[in-house]
Protein backbone atom coordinates (compact mmCIF):
# COMPACT_ATOMS: atom_id res chain seq x y z
CA MET A 1 -76.64 -88.68 18.74
CA LYS A 2 -77.19 -89.54 15.09
CA HIS A 3 -73.51 -88.73 14.35
CA PHE A 4 -72.11 -90.88 17.19
CA PRO A 5 -71.70 -94.11 15.14
CA LEU A 6 -69.69 -92.20 12.54
CA LEU A 7 -67.41 -90.88 15.27
CA ILE A 8 -66.84 -94.41 16.58
CA VAL A 9 -65.93 -95.63 13.05
CA ALA A 10 -63.49 -92.75 12.62
CA LEU A 11 -61.80 -93.48 15.95
CA ILE A 12 -61.49 -97.18 15.10
CA ALA A 13 -59.99 -96.38 11.70
CA PHE A 14 -57.46 -94.08 13.37
CA CYS A 15 -56.43 -96.67 15.94
CA ILE A 16 -56.22 -99.86 13.84
CA SER A 17 -53.10 -99.01 11.86
CA PRO A 18 -50.64 -98.63 14.80
CA PHE A 19 -51.88 -101.86 16.40
CA ALA A 20 -51.69 -103.68 13.08
CA ARG A 21 -48.11 -102.49 12.63
CA ALA A 22 -47.23 -103.61 16.16
CA ASP A 23 -48.69 -107.06 15.47
CA LEU A 24 -46.73 -107.32 12.22
CA ASP A 25 -43.51 -106.39 14.00
CA SER A 26 -44.10 -108.89 16.79
CA GLU A 27 -45.08 -111.73 14.44
CA ILE A 28 -41.99 -111.32 12.28
CA ALA A 29 -39.76 -110.77 15.31
CA ALA A 30 -40.92 -114.14 16.64
CA VAL A 31 -39.92 -115.79 13.35
CA LEU A 32 -36.51 -114.11 13.36
CA ARG A 33 -35.88 -115.46 16.89
CA ASP A 34 -36.02 -119.01 15.57
CA LYS A 35 -32.80 -120.82 16.51
CA LEU A 36 -32.08 -121.62 12.86
CA ILE A 37 -31.66 -117.98 11.86
CA GLU A 38 -31.43 -115.83 15.01
CA LYS A 39 -27.64 -115.48 14.77
CA ASN A 40 -27.35 -115.52 10.97
CA PRO A 41 -27.36 -112.63 8.48
CA VAL A 42 -30.99 -112.15 7.45
CA GLY A 43 -32.50 -109.29 5.48
CA VAL A 44 -36.22 -108.55 5.24
CA ALA A 45 -38.07 -105.72 3.52
CA ILE A 46 -41.84 -105.46 3.03
CA VAL A 47 -43.51 -102.69 1.03
CA ARG A 48 -47.22 -101.95 0.72
CA LEU A 49 -47.64 -101.14 -2.96
CA ASP A 50 -49.69 -98.40 -4.55
CA SER A 51 -51.69 -99.75 -7.48
CA ALA A 52 -52.05 -96.21 -8.79
CA GLY A 53 -48.32 -95.98 -9.37
CA GLY A 54 -47.21 -94.18 -6.23
CA PRO A 55 -44.04 -95.02 -4.30
CA GLY A 56 -45.75 -97.31 -1.81
CA LYS A 57 -44.81 -97.56 1.87
CA LEU A 58 -42.18 -99.57 3.69
CA ILE A 59 -44.06 -101.34 6.47
CA TYR A 60 -41.32 -103.62 7.82
CA ALA A 61 -37.54 -103.79 7.59
CA HIS A 62 -34.83 -105.92 9.16
CA ASN A 63 -31.28 -105.30 7.91
CA PRO A 64 -32.89 -103.96 4.71
CA ASP A 65 -29.71 -102.48 3.20
CA LEU A 66 -27.35 -105.35 4.04
CA PRO A 67 -26.09 -106.98 0.80
CA LEU A 68 -26.53 -110.74 1.08
CA MET A 69 -26.15 -113.65 -1.30
CA PRO A 70 -29.52 -113.83 -3.08
CA ALA A 71 -29.11 -117.28 -4.70
CA SER A 72 -31.75 -117.60 -7.44
CA ASN A 73 -33.56 -114.48 -6.28
CA MET A 74 -30.91 -112.87 -8.49
CA LYS A 75 -33.06 -113.98 -11.43
CA LEU A 76 -35.70 -111.42 -10.44
CA LEU A 77 -33.19 -108.65 -11.09
CA THR A 78 -31.84 -110.16 -14.30
CA THR A 79 -35.28 -110.69 -15.81
CA SER A 80 -36.41 -107.24 -14.66
CA ALA A 81 -33.46 -105.59 -16.38
CA ALA A 82 -34.07 -107.63 -19.53
CA LEU A 83 -37.73 -106.65 -19.63
CA ASP A 84 -36.93 -102.98 -19.08
CA THR A 85 -34.07 -102.92 -21.60
CA LEU A 86 -35.32 -105.21 -24.37
CA GLY A 87 -39.05 -104.53 -24.01
CA PRO A 88 -41.94 -107.01 -23.69
CA ASP A 89 -42.21 -107.50 -27.47
CA PHE A 90 -38.61 -108.63 -27.90
CA HIS A 91 -38.04 -111.90 -29.76
CA PHE A 92 -34.87 -113.98 -29.91
CA GLN A 93 -34.24 -114.73 -33.58
CA THR A 94 -32.10 -117.72 -34.54
CA LEU A 95 -31.45 -117.66 -38.28
CA LEU A 96 -30.16 -120.00 -40.98
CA LEU A 97 -28.13 -118.02 -43.52
CA GLN A 98 -26.45 -118.80 -46.80
CA ARG A 99 -23.21 -117.22 -47.89
CA GLY A 100 -21.81 -118.71 -51.07
CA GLU A 101 -21.75 -122.49 -50.64
CA ASP A 102 -21.83 -122.34 -46.84
CA LEU A 103 -24.72 -122.47 -44.40
CA ILE A 104 -24.38 -120.30 -41.32
CA LEU A 105 -26.29 -120.81 -38.08
CA LEU A 106 -26.67 -117.33 -36.59
CA GLY A 107 -27.27 -117.41 -32.84
CA ASP A 108 -29.11 -114.70 -30.93
CA GLY A 109 -28.48 -116.07 -27.45
CA ASP A 110 -31.84 -117.89 -27.32
CA PRO A 111 -31.69 -120.34 -24.39
CA MET A 112 -34.96 -121.97 -25.45
CA PHE A 113 -33.71 -123.26 -28.81
CA GLY A 114 -33.87 -127.05 -28.79
CA ASP A 115 -34.71 -127.24 -25.07
CA TRP A 116 -36.06 -130.77 -24.72
CA GLU A 117 -37.61 -130.19 -21.28
CA HIS A 118 -39.71 -127.43 -22.78
CA LEU A 119 -40.30 -128.87 -26.25
CA HIS A 120 -41.31 -132.45 -25.46
CA LYS A 121 -44.50 -131.20 -23.81
CA SER A 122 -45.60 -130.14 -27.31
CA ASN A 123 -44.28 -133.32 -28.96
CA TRP A 124 -41.26 -131.50 -30.38
CA ASP A 125 -37.72 -132.80 -30.06
CA ILE A 126 -34.30 -131.19 -29.78
CA THR A 127 -33.74 -131.18 -33.54
CA SER A 128 -37.32 -130.46 -34.68
CA ALA A 129 -36.46 -126.92 -35.83
CA PHE A 130 -33.49 -128.24 -37.81
CA LYS A 131 -35.74 -130.82 -39.52
CA LEU A 132 -38.23 -128.11 -40.47
CA TRP A 133 -35.38 -126.12 -41.96
CA ALA A 134 -34.30 -129.16 -43.95
CA ASP A 135 -37.81 -129.49 -45.42
CA LYS A 136 -37.79 -125.81 -46.34
CA LEU A 137 -34.40 -126.16 -48.06
CA LYS A 138 -35.56 -129.18 -50.07
CA LYS A 139 -38.72 -127.41 -51.16
CA ALA A 140 -36.53 -124.54 -52.42
CA ASN A 141 -34.30 -127.09 -54.20
CA LEU A 142 -31.34 -126.14 -52.01
CA THR A 143 -29.81 -129.51 -51.27
CA ARG A 144 -26.01 -129.13 -51.58
CA PHE A 145 -23.73 -127.06 -49.35
CA HIS A 146 -20.10 -127.05 -48.32
CA ASN A 147 -19.61 -126.07 -44.66
CA VAL A 148 -22.01 -125.56 -41.78
CA LEU A 149 -20.74 -122.67 -39.66
CA VAL A 150 -22.02 -120.96 -36.54
CA ASP A 151 -21.82 -117.27 -35.66
CA ASP A 152 -22.28 -116.85 -31.90
CA THR A 153 -20.73 -113.37 -31.65
CA VAL A 154 -23.85 -111.97 -30.00
CA PHE A 155 -22.08 -113.22 -26.82
CA ASP A 156 -18.43 -113.51 -25.87
CA GLN A 157 -16.81 -116.92 -25.60
CA GLU A 158 -16.41 -117.02 -21.82
CA PHE A 159 -18.69 -120.02 -21.50
CA VAL A 160 -18.18 -120.69 -17.77
CA HIS A 161 -18.37 -118.06 -15.07
CA PRO A 162 -15.09 -117.98 -13.09
CA ASN A 163 -16.93 -117.92 -9.75
CA TRP A 164 -19.14 -120.93 -10.33
CA PRO A 165 -18.31 -124.04 -8.25
CA ALA A 166 -15.61 -125.94 -10.16
CA ASP A 167 -16.80 -129.32 -8.88
CA GLN A 168 -20.32 -128.81 -10.26
CA LEU A 169 -19.65 -127.76 -13.86
CA LEU A 170 -20.91 -131.05 -15.34
CA ASN A 171 -24.35 -130.60 -13.74
CA ARG A 172 -27.23 -129.23 -15.79
CA TYR A 173 -27.53 -126.10 -13.66
CA CYS A 174 -23.94 -125.19 -14.60
CA ALA A 175 -24.35 -125.54 -18.37
CA GLN A 176 -22.04 -123.36 -20.44
CA ILE A 177 -23.47 -120.09 -21.79
CA ALA A 178 -23.08 -119.37 -25.51
CA GLY A 179 -24.53 -117.15 -28.20
CA MET A 180 -25.98 -120.28 -29.82
CA ASN A 181 -27.54 -122.89 -27.53
CA LEU A 182 -29.04 -126.32 -28.10
CA ASN A 183 -30.85 -128.42 -25.49
CA THR A 184 -29.68 -125.96 -22.80
CA GLY A 185 -26.08 -127.03 -23.38
CA LEU A 186 -26.71 -130.66 -22.47
CA ILE A 187 -26.44 -134.05 -24.14
CA ASP A 188 -28.98 -136.56 -22.81
CA PHE A 189 -28.22 -140.26 -22.30
CA TYR A 190 -30.80 -143.06 -22.22
CA ILE A 191 -29.66 -146.38 -20.78
CA HIS A 192 -30.53 -149.86 -22.15
CA ASN A 193 -30.13 -152.76 -19.73
CA ASN A 194 -28.43 -155.73 -21.39
CA GLY A 195 -28.71 -158.11 -18.45
CA PRO A 196 -27.16 -158.46 -14.96
CA GLY A 197 -23.45 -157.73 -14.83
CA LYS A 198 -23.23 -156.74 -18.49
CA VAL A 199 -22.15 -153.38 -19.84
CA VAL A 200 -25.28 -151.35 -20.57
CA GLY A 201 -26.20 -149.97 -23.95
CA TYR A 202 -27.16 -146.37 -24.46
CA HIS A 203 -28.30 -143.83 -26.99
CA THR A 204 -28.02 -140.05 -26.86
CA ASN A 205 -30.43 -137.28 -27.68
CA PRO A 206 -29.53 -135.65 -29.92
CA PRO A 207 -27.66 -138.43 -31.72
CA THR A 208 -24.27 -136.88 -32.51
CA ASN A 209 -20.57 -137.50 -32.95
CA TYR A 210 -19.76 -134.20 -31.24
CA VAL A 211 -18.91 -136.21 -28.11
CA THR A 212 -16.86 -139.38 -27.75
CA VAL A 213 -18.02 -141.84 -25.11
CA THR A 214 -16.19 -144.50 -23.11
CA ASN A 215 -18.75 -146.85 -21.55
CA THR A 216 -18.02 -149.08 -18.54
CA CYS A 217 -21.43 -148.74 -16.88
CA THR A 218 -22.88 -152.13 -15.91
CA ALA A 219 -26.32 -153.39 -15.04
CA GLY A 220 -26.31 -153.77 -11.27
CA GLY A 221 -28.32 -153.60 -8.08
CA GLN A 222 -28.58 -149.85 -7.80
CA ASN A 223 -28.91 -146.75 -9.94
CA ALA A 224 -25.55 -145.03 -9.71
CA ILE A 225 -24.98 -143.76 -13.24
CA VAL A 226 -22.06 -141.37 -13.59
CA LEU A 227 -21.25 -139.13 -16.56
CA ASP A 228 -17.80 -137.55 -16.46
CA ARG A 229 -16.48 -135.09 -19.05
CA ALA A 230 -12.83 -134.13 -19.29
CA LYS A 231 -12.22 -130.40 -18.74
CA ASN A 232 -12.47 -128.26 -21.90
CA SER A 233 -13.22 -131.32 -24.01
CA ASN A 234 -16.13 -133.50 -25.07
CA ARG A 235 -14.65 -136.83 -24.03
CA ILE A 236 -17.31 -138.40 -21.84
CA ALA A 237 -17.00 -141.43 -19.56
CA LEU A 238 -20.21 -143.33 -18.82
CA ARG A 239 -19.61 -145.48 -15.73
CA GLY A 240 -21.22 -146.77 -12.57
CA SER A 241 -24.27 -149.04 -12.50
CA ALA A 242 -27.89 -149.01 -13.64
CA VAL A 243 -30.83 -151.07 -12.41
CA GLY A 244 -32.80 -151.01 -15.65
CA SER A 245 -33.43 -149.17 -18.87
CA SER A 246 -34.21 -145.49 -18.45
CA THR A 247 -37.16 -143.51 -19.74
CA SER A 248 -35.84 -140.20 -18.41
CA PRO A 249 -32.51 -138.79 -19.53
CA VAL A 250 -29.28 -138.67 -17.60
CA SER A 251 -27.52 -135.51 -18.76
CA VAL A 252 -24.11 -133.91 -18.83
CA THR A 253 -22.99 -130.49 -20.04
CA VAL A 254 -21.09 -130.11 -23.31
CA HIS A 255 -18.09 -127.90 -23.97
CA ASP A 256 -18.58 -125.06 -26.51
CA PRO A 257 -22.36 -125.23 -27.03
CA ALA A 258 -22.26 -123.21 -30.28
CA LEU A 259 -20.04 -125.72 -32.07
CA TYR A 260 -22.25 -128.46 -30.64
CA ALA A 261 -25.27 -126.86 -32.29
CA ALA A 262 -23.41 -126.48 -35.60
CA GLN A 263 -22.39 -130.13 -35.75
CA VAL A 264 -25.86 -131.37 -34.79
CA LEU A 265 -27.33 -129.12 -37.50
CA ALA A 266 -24.94 -130.60 -40.07
CA GLU A 267 -25.75 -134.15 -38.95
CA THR A 268 -29.50 -133.49 -38.99
CA LEU A 269 -29.41 -131.96 -42.46
CA LYS A 270 -27.46 -134.95 -43.79
CA ALA A 271 -29.96 -137.35 -42.22
CA GLU A 272 -32.77 -135.40 -43.92
CA GLY A 273 -31.20 -135.67 -47.37
CA ILE A 274 -29.15 -132.45 -47.57
CA THR A 275 -25.59 -132.93 -48.86
CA ILE A 276 -22.83 -131.33 -46.75
CA ASN A 277 -19.46 -131.74 -48.49
CA GLY A 278 -17.28 -129.93 -45.97
CA GLY A 279 -17.30 -129.75 -42.19
CA PHE A 280 -18.50 -127.51 -39.38
CA GLY A 281 -16.87 -124.59 -37.63
CA ARG A 282 -17.19 -121.05 -36.29
CA ASP A 283 -17.79 -117.84 -38.26
CA LYS A 284 -17.39 -114.35 -36.80
CA ASP A 285 -18.58 -112.16 -39.65
CA ALA A 286 -22.13 -113.20 -40.55
CA ARG A 287 -23.92 -111.16 -37.88
CA ALA A 288 -22.10 -107.97 -38.86
CA GLN A 289 -22.78 -108.68 -42.54
CA LEU A 290 -26.48 -109.17 -41.90
CA ILE A 291 -26.73 -105.96 -39.89
CA ALA A 292 -24.92 -104.14 -42.70
CA LYS A 293 -27.38 -105.65 -45.21
CA ASP A 294 -24.54 -107.25 -47.15
CA ALA A 295 -26.02 -108.89 -50.24
CA ALA A 296 -23.60 -111.79 -49.84
CA VAL A 297 -25.71 -113.09 -46.94
CA THR A 298 -29.20 -114.49 -47.49
CA VAL A 299 -31.71 -115.52 -44.81
CA LEU A 300 -33.09 -118.98 -45.57
CA ALA A 301 -35.04 -119.82 -42.40
CA GLY A 302 -35.47 -118.80 -38.80
CA HIS A 303 -36.87 -119.64 -35.39
CA GLU A 304 -38.15 -117.27 -32.69
CA SER A 305 -38.72 -117.38 -28.94
CA THR A 306 -40.40 -114.55 -27.06
CA LEU A 307 -38.83 -112.71 -24.17
CA VAL A 308 -41.83 -113.60 -21.99
CA GLN A 309 -41.33 -117.33 -22.67
CA VAL A 310 -37.69 -117.09 -21.69
CA MET A 311 -38.38 -115.00 -18.58
CA SER A 312 -41.04 -117.46 -17.44
CA ARG A 313 -38.66 -120.41 -17.68
CA ALA A 314 -36.02 -118.43 -15.80
CA ASN A 315 -38.34 -117.33 -13.00
CA LYS A 316 -40.93 -120.09 -12.69
CA ASP A 317 -38.52 -123.00 -13.21
CA SER A 318 -35.35 -121.25 -11.97
CA GLN A 319 -33.43 -122.28 -15.09
CA ASN A 320 -29.91 -120.90 -14.76
CA LEU A 321 -28.91 -120.92 -18.42
CA TYR A 322 -32.02 -118.91 -19.27
CA ALA A 323 -31.13 -116.23 -16.72
CA GLU A 324 -27.51 -116.06 -17.85
CA SER A 325 -28.57 -115.79 -21.50
CA LEU A 326 -30.85 -112.89 -20.53
CA CYS A 327 -27.99 -111.29 -18.62
CA LYS A 328 -25.64 -111.42 -21.60
CA ARG A 329 -28.35 -110.51 -24.13
CA THR A 330 -29.24 -107.44 -22.08
CA GLY A 331 -25.57 -106.55 -21.91
CA HIS A 332 -25.31 -106.83 -25.69
CA ALA A 333 -28.34 -104.60 -26.22
CA ALA A 334 -27.10 -102.00 -23.74
CA SER A 335 -23.47 -101.89 -24.87
CA GLY A 336 -23.56 -102.80 -28.56
CA LYS A 337 -20.76 -105.29 -27.85
CA SER A 338 -20.81 -109.06 -27.51
CA GLY A 339 -22.81 -109.86 -24.40
CA SER A 340 -20.70 -110.72 -21.37
CA TRP A 341 -21.05 -111.07 -17.64
CA GLU A 342 -19.34 -107.70 -17.30
CA ASN A 343 -21.69 -105.68 -19.52
CA GLY A 344 -24.70 -107.82 -18.57
CA THR A 345 -24.40 -107.22 -14.83
CA ALA A 346 -23.56 -103.57 -15.55
CA ALA A 347 -26.88 -103.25 -17.42
CA THR A 348 -28.69 -104.85 -14.48
CA ALA A 349 -27.00 -102.37 -12.12
CA VAL A 350 -28.19 -99.49 -14.31
CA PHE A 351 -31.72 -100.87 -14.03
CA LEU A 352 -31.46 -101.17 -10.24
CA ARG A 353 -30.41 -97.54 -9.89
CA LYS A 354 -33.28 -96.54 -12.15
CA ALA A 355 -35.63 -98.53 -9.91
CA GLY A 356 -34.41 -96.62 -6.87
CA ALA A 357 -31.94 -99.02 -5.27
CA ALA A 358 -29.29 -97.14 -3.32
CA GLU A 359 -25.57 -97.40 -4.04
CA GLY A 360 -23.86 -99.88 -1.76
CA THR A 361 -26.95 -102.08 -1.45
CA PHE A 362 -25.99 -104.45 -4.27
CA LYS A 363 -22.99 -106.05 -5.98
CA LEU A 364 -23.66 -108.17 -9.06
CA ASP A 365 -21.46 -110.96 -10.39
CA ASP A 366 -23.66 -113.18 -12.57
CA GLY A 367 -27.25 -113.41 -13.78
CA CYS A 368 -28.64 -116.49 -12.05
CA GLY A 369 -27.29 -116.25 -8.50
CA LEU A 370 -24.97 -119.25 -8.62
CA SER A 371 -21.92 -117.09 -7.88
CA ARG A 372 -21.28 -116.51 -4.20
CA ASN A 373 -19.85 -113.08 -5.05
CA ASN A 374 -23.32 -111.63 -5.61
CA GLY A 375 -24.58 -109.36 -2.86
CA VAL A 376 -28.10 -107.92 -2.95
CA SER A 377 -30.05 -106.28 -0.14
CA ALA A 378 -33.72 -106.79 0.59
CA SER A 379 -34.29 -103.09 -0.09
CA ALA A 380 -32.70 -103.37 -3.55
CA MET A 381 -34.84 -106.40 -4.29
CA THR A 382 -38.07 -104.67 -3.28
CA ALA A 383 -37.06 -101.58 -5.26
CA ALA A 384 -37.01 -103.73 -8.41
CA LEU A 385 -40.28 -105.41 -7.47
CA ARG A 386 -41.95 -102.06 -6.80
CA TYR A 387 -40.66 -100.64 -10.11
CA ASN A 388 -42.14 -103.56 -12.04
CA PHE A 389 -45.44 -103.37 -10.22
CA THR A 390 -45.99 -99.66 -10.76
CA GLY A 391 -44.71 -99.62 -14.35
CA LYS A 392 -46.24 -100.47 -17.70
CA ASN A 393 -44.97 -104.06 -17.64
CA ARG A 394 -46.70 -105.13 -14.43
CA ASP A 395 -48.88 -107.87 -15.90
CA VAL A 396 -46.08 -109.22 -18.08
CA PHE A 397 -43.67 -109.50 -15.16
CA LEU A 398 -46.24 -111.05 -12.83
CA SER A 399 -47.05 -113.68 -15.45
CA THR A 400 -43.44 -114.93 -15.38
CA LEU A 401 -43.37 -115.64 -11.63
CA ALA A 402 -44.15 -118.93 -9.91
CA VAL A 403 -47.54 -118.95 -8.18
CA ALA A 404 -47.88 -120.61 -4.78
CA GLY A 405 -49.59 -123.97 -5.03
CA VAL A 406 -49.91 -123.70 -8.80
CA ASP A 407 -46.67 -123.94 -10.77
CA GLY A 408 -42.91 -123.68 -10.98
CA THR A 409 -40.79 -123.88 -7.86
CA LEU A 410 -43.78 -122.85 -5.72
CA ASP A 411 -46.13 -125.60 -6.89
CA ASP A 412 -45.72 -127.50 -3.61
CA ARG A 413 -45.08 -124.56 -1.27
CA PHE A 414 -47.36 -122.80 1.23
CA LYS A 415 -49.04 -125.67 3.03
CA GLY A 416 -50.26 -126.10 6.60
CA PRO A 417 -50.96 -122.73 8.29
CA ALA A 418 -49.97 -120.88 5.11
CA ILE A 419 -52.23 -122.84 2.76
CA GLY A 420 -54.61 -119.89 2.47
CA LEU A 421 -51.89 -117.98 0.63
CA ARG A 422 -51.92 -120.38 -2.31
CA THR A 423 -52.71 -118.62 -5.61
CA ARG A 424 -52.03 -115.26 -3.91
CA VAL A 425 -48.22 -115.34 -3.71
CA TYR A 426 -46.21 -114.62 -6.88
CA ALA A 427 -42.54 -115.10 -6.12
CA LYS A 428 -39.07 -116.45 -6.80
CA THR A 429 -37.36 -119.03 -4.63
CA GLY A 430 -33.63 -119.23 -4.08
CA PHE A 431 -31.21 -121.82 -2.76
CA ILE A 432 -27.48 -122.45 -2.83
CA ALA A 433 -25.34 -123.88 -0.03
CA GLY A 434 -25.88 -121.73 3.05
CA VAL A 435 -28.50 -119.51 1.40
CA SER A 436 -32.28 -119.63 1.26
CA ALA A 437 -34.42 -116.81 -0.13
CA LEU A 438 -37.93 -115.88 -1.19
CA SER A 439 -38.91 -112.60 -2.83
CA GLY A 440 -42.00 -111.51 -4.70
CA TYR A 441 -45.54 -110.30 -4.21
CA LEU A 442 -48.51 -111.03 -1.98
CA LYS A 443 -52.02 -110.22 -3.10
CA ALA A 444 -54.05 -109.75 0.08
CA LYS A 445 -57.70 -110.73 0.42
CA ASP A 446 -58.75 -107.11 0.13
CA GLU A 447 -56.96 -106.88 -3.27
CA SER A 448 -54.10 -104.78 -1.84
CA TRP A 449 -50.58 -105.78 -2.93
CA TYR A 450 -47.29 -106.13 -1.06
CA ALA A 451 -43.73 -106.65 -2.27
CA PHE A 452 -41.45 -108.64 0.02
CA SER A 453 -37.89 -109.89 0.09
CA ILE A 454 -36.56 -112.43 2.59
CA LEU A 455 -32.85 -113.25 2.26
CA MET A 456 -31.30 -115.77 4.66
CA ASN A 457 -27.55 -116.42 4.70
CA GLY A 458 -25.35 -118.61 6.90
CA MET A 459 -27.79 -121.52 6.84
CA PRO A 460 -26.52 -124.91 8.08
CA ARG A 461 -26.70 -127.85 5.70
CA PHE A 462 -30.00 -129.70 5.32
CA THR A 463 -32.08 -126.88 6.81
CA ASN A 464 -33.69 -125.45 3.68
CA THR A 465 -37.05 -127.10 4.44
CA ARG A 466 -37.23 -125.28 7.78
CA ALA A 467 -36.01 -122.05 6.17
CA LYS A 468 -38.87 -122.24 3.68
CA GLU A 469 -41.36 -122.62 6.54
CA LEU A 470 -39.98 -119.52 8.23
CA GLN A 471 -40.22 -117.54 5.00
CA GLU A 472 -43.83 -118.57 4.63
CA GLN A 473 -44.56 -117.53 8.21
CA ILE A 474 -43.27 -114.04 7.41
CA VAL A 475 -45.48 -113.78 4.33
CA LEU A 476 -48.40 -115.05 6.42
CA ALA A 477 -47.72 -112.30 8.95
CA VAL A 478 -48.03 -109.75 6.16
CA ASP A 479 -51.37 -111.26 5.17
CA HIS A 480 -52.54 -110.98 8.78
CA TYR A 481 -51.45 -107.34 8.79
CA ALA A 482 -53.44 -106.69 5.62
CA ASP A 483 -56.54 -108.14 7.29
CA ARG A 484 -56.13 -105.93 10.36
CA LYS A 485 -55.15 -102.59 8.85
């Protein structure tokens, strides 16, 4: 009889797993029967991960190999490919060069350079790096130059993806992608109220003549400020109405961000006491000269951003320009050519195959998920997540994801019945018209880990709040499974 309790424990251990699996299936099936999604294309894949590096185990699948629009879940794949290709120690290096009497701004595709939303938290401004460079030049007694040029050949000059929504290209999430960026390709307007019915005043950050502004905006009874920019130009119309002076910026995208950065650099240097006798423009030789160690080119100053910083802004904050810059920078590293959407998405596809995603389960068109021509299956998404988790860059990748109830796009998610999952879900949200998605990791109470991908397409308008609740119910079902197994 002394062995009987051990026999009971063994029988229980043998029987729990099938029941737990049945409960998981039934819980998720109930979610998928919700009227919002029951007739729509939905893909779900859930993998129990092996912390020792093994392949893990698929514990639930619903249309797992069906390519669906991933929206911003695409950023998980772009950042994964960048991390695997460039390595966790990669730094973007923006340099100030001298060649003869000219200054050359050498871009490296850094999306973080001059990003006000990021910098102002540390009391830096858009042009702070330029001002530091000016101080360094003056200390070296270098105070007179002819032209200020920009070399952005690290990327091609296709600034706007052809499959992005044409009616949204002035919005911040559709900023143009260039090899040299400043303030994420935006110019920020601050409004000054001059009294009821009067045309408002304004100032821009950065202050620049790169854009020309026509202002008919008046002080009125509602905030309806409109910034229009003519296609392929920097002629901006400020119109509409404003209730009062603004403390937060109203922003619009600029055309040709690299030239924008060059002119703002020239204007900043002049304001700081550096003489610029010529103008500003584009150079296409400086990068090649520097790589060839041409003595005609001298490095005067530089600025760096880490890959981890850029990945975190892409994943936690879902910043599109950051993801697209990573896409093109990865393409440049993989191909040796100027980064493009073609070689960038090709590099991401190479990564996906390496991670174990099957052919036919993905089709990639951009880096951030804004294009509706992207198609990614839940199985391809979990293949990438599993690869990151079992590889050497696990901790780095996890650190770039939003954490439920803590930060990024998940700071206010997982409430109500799912509130117990806060701090234990590391994931990426996704939303474009008709699409809602959530993919990432769950850390169960017993310290076991799960990768999940939930891709919902065909969503009616104004239903994303409900879609989020359904996604959280699925993740909660996985947590219940982990408790029962």
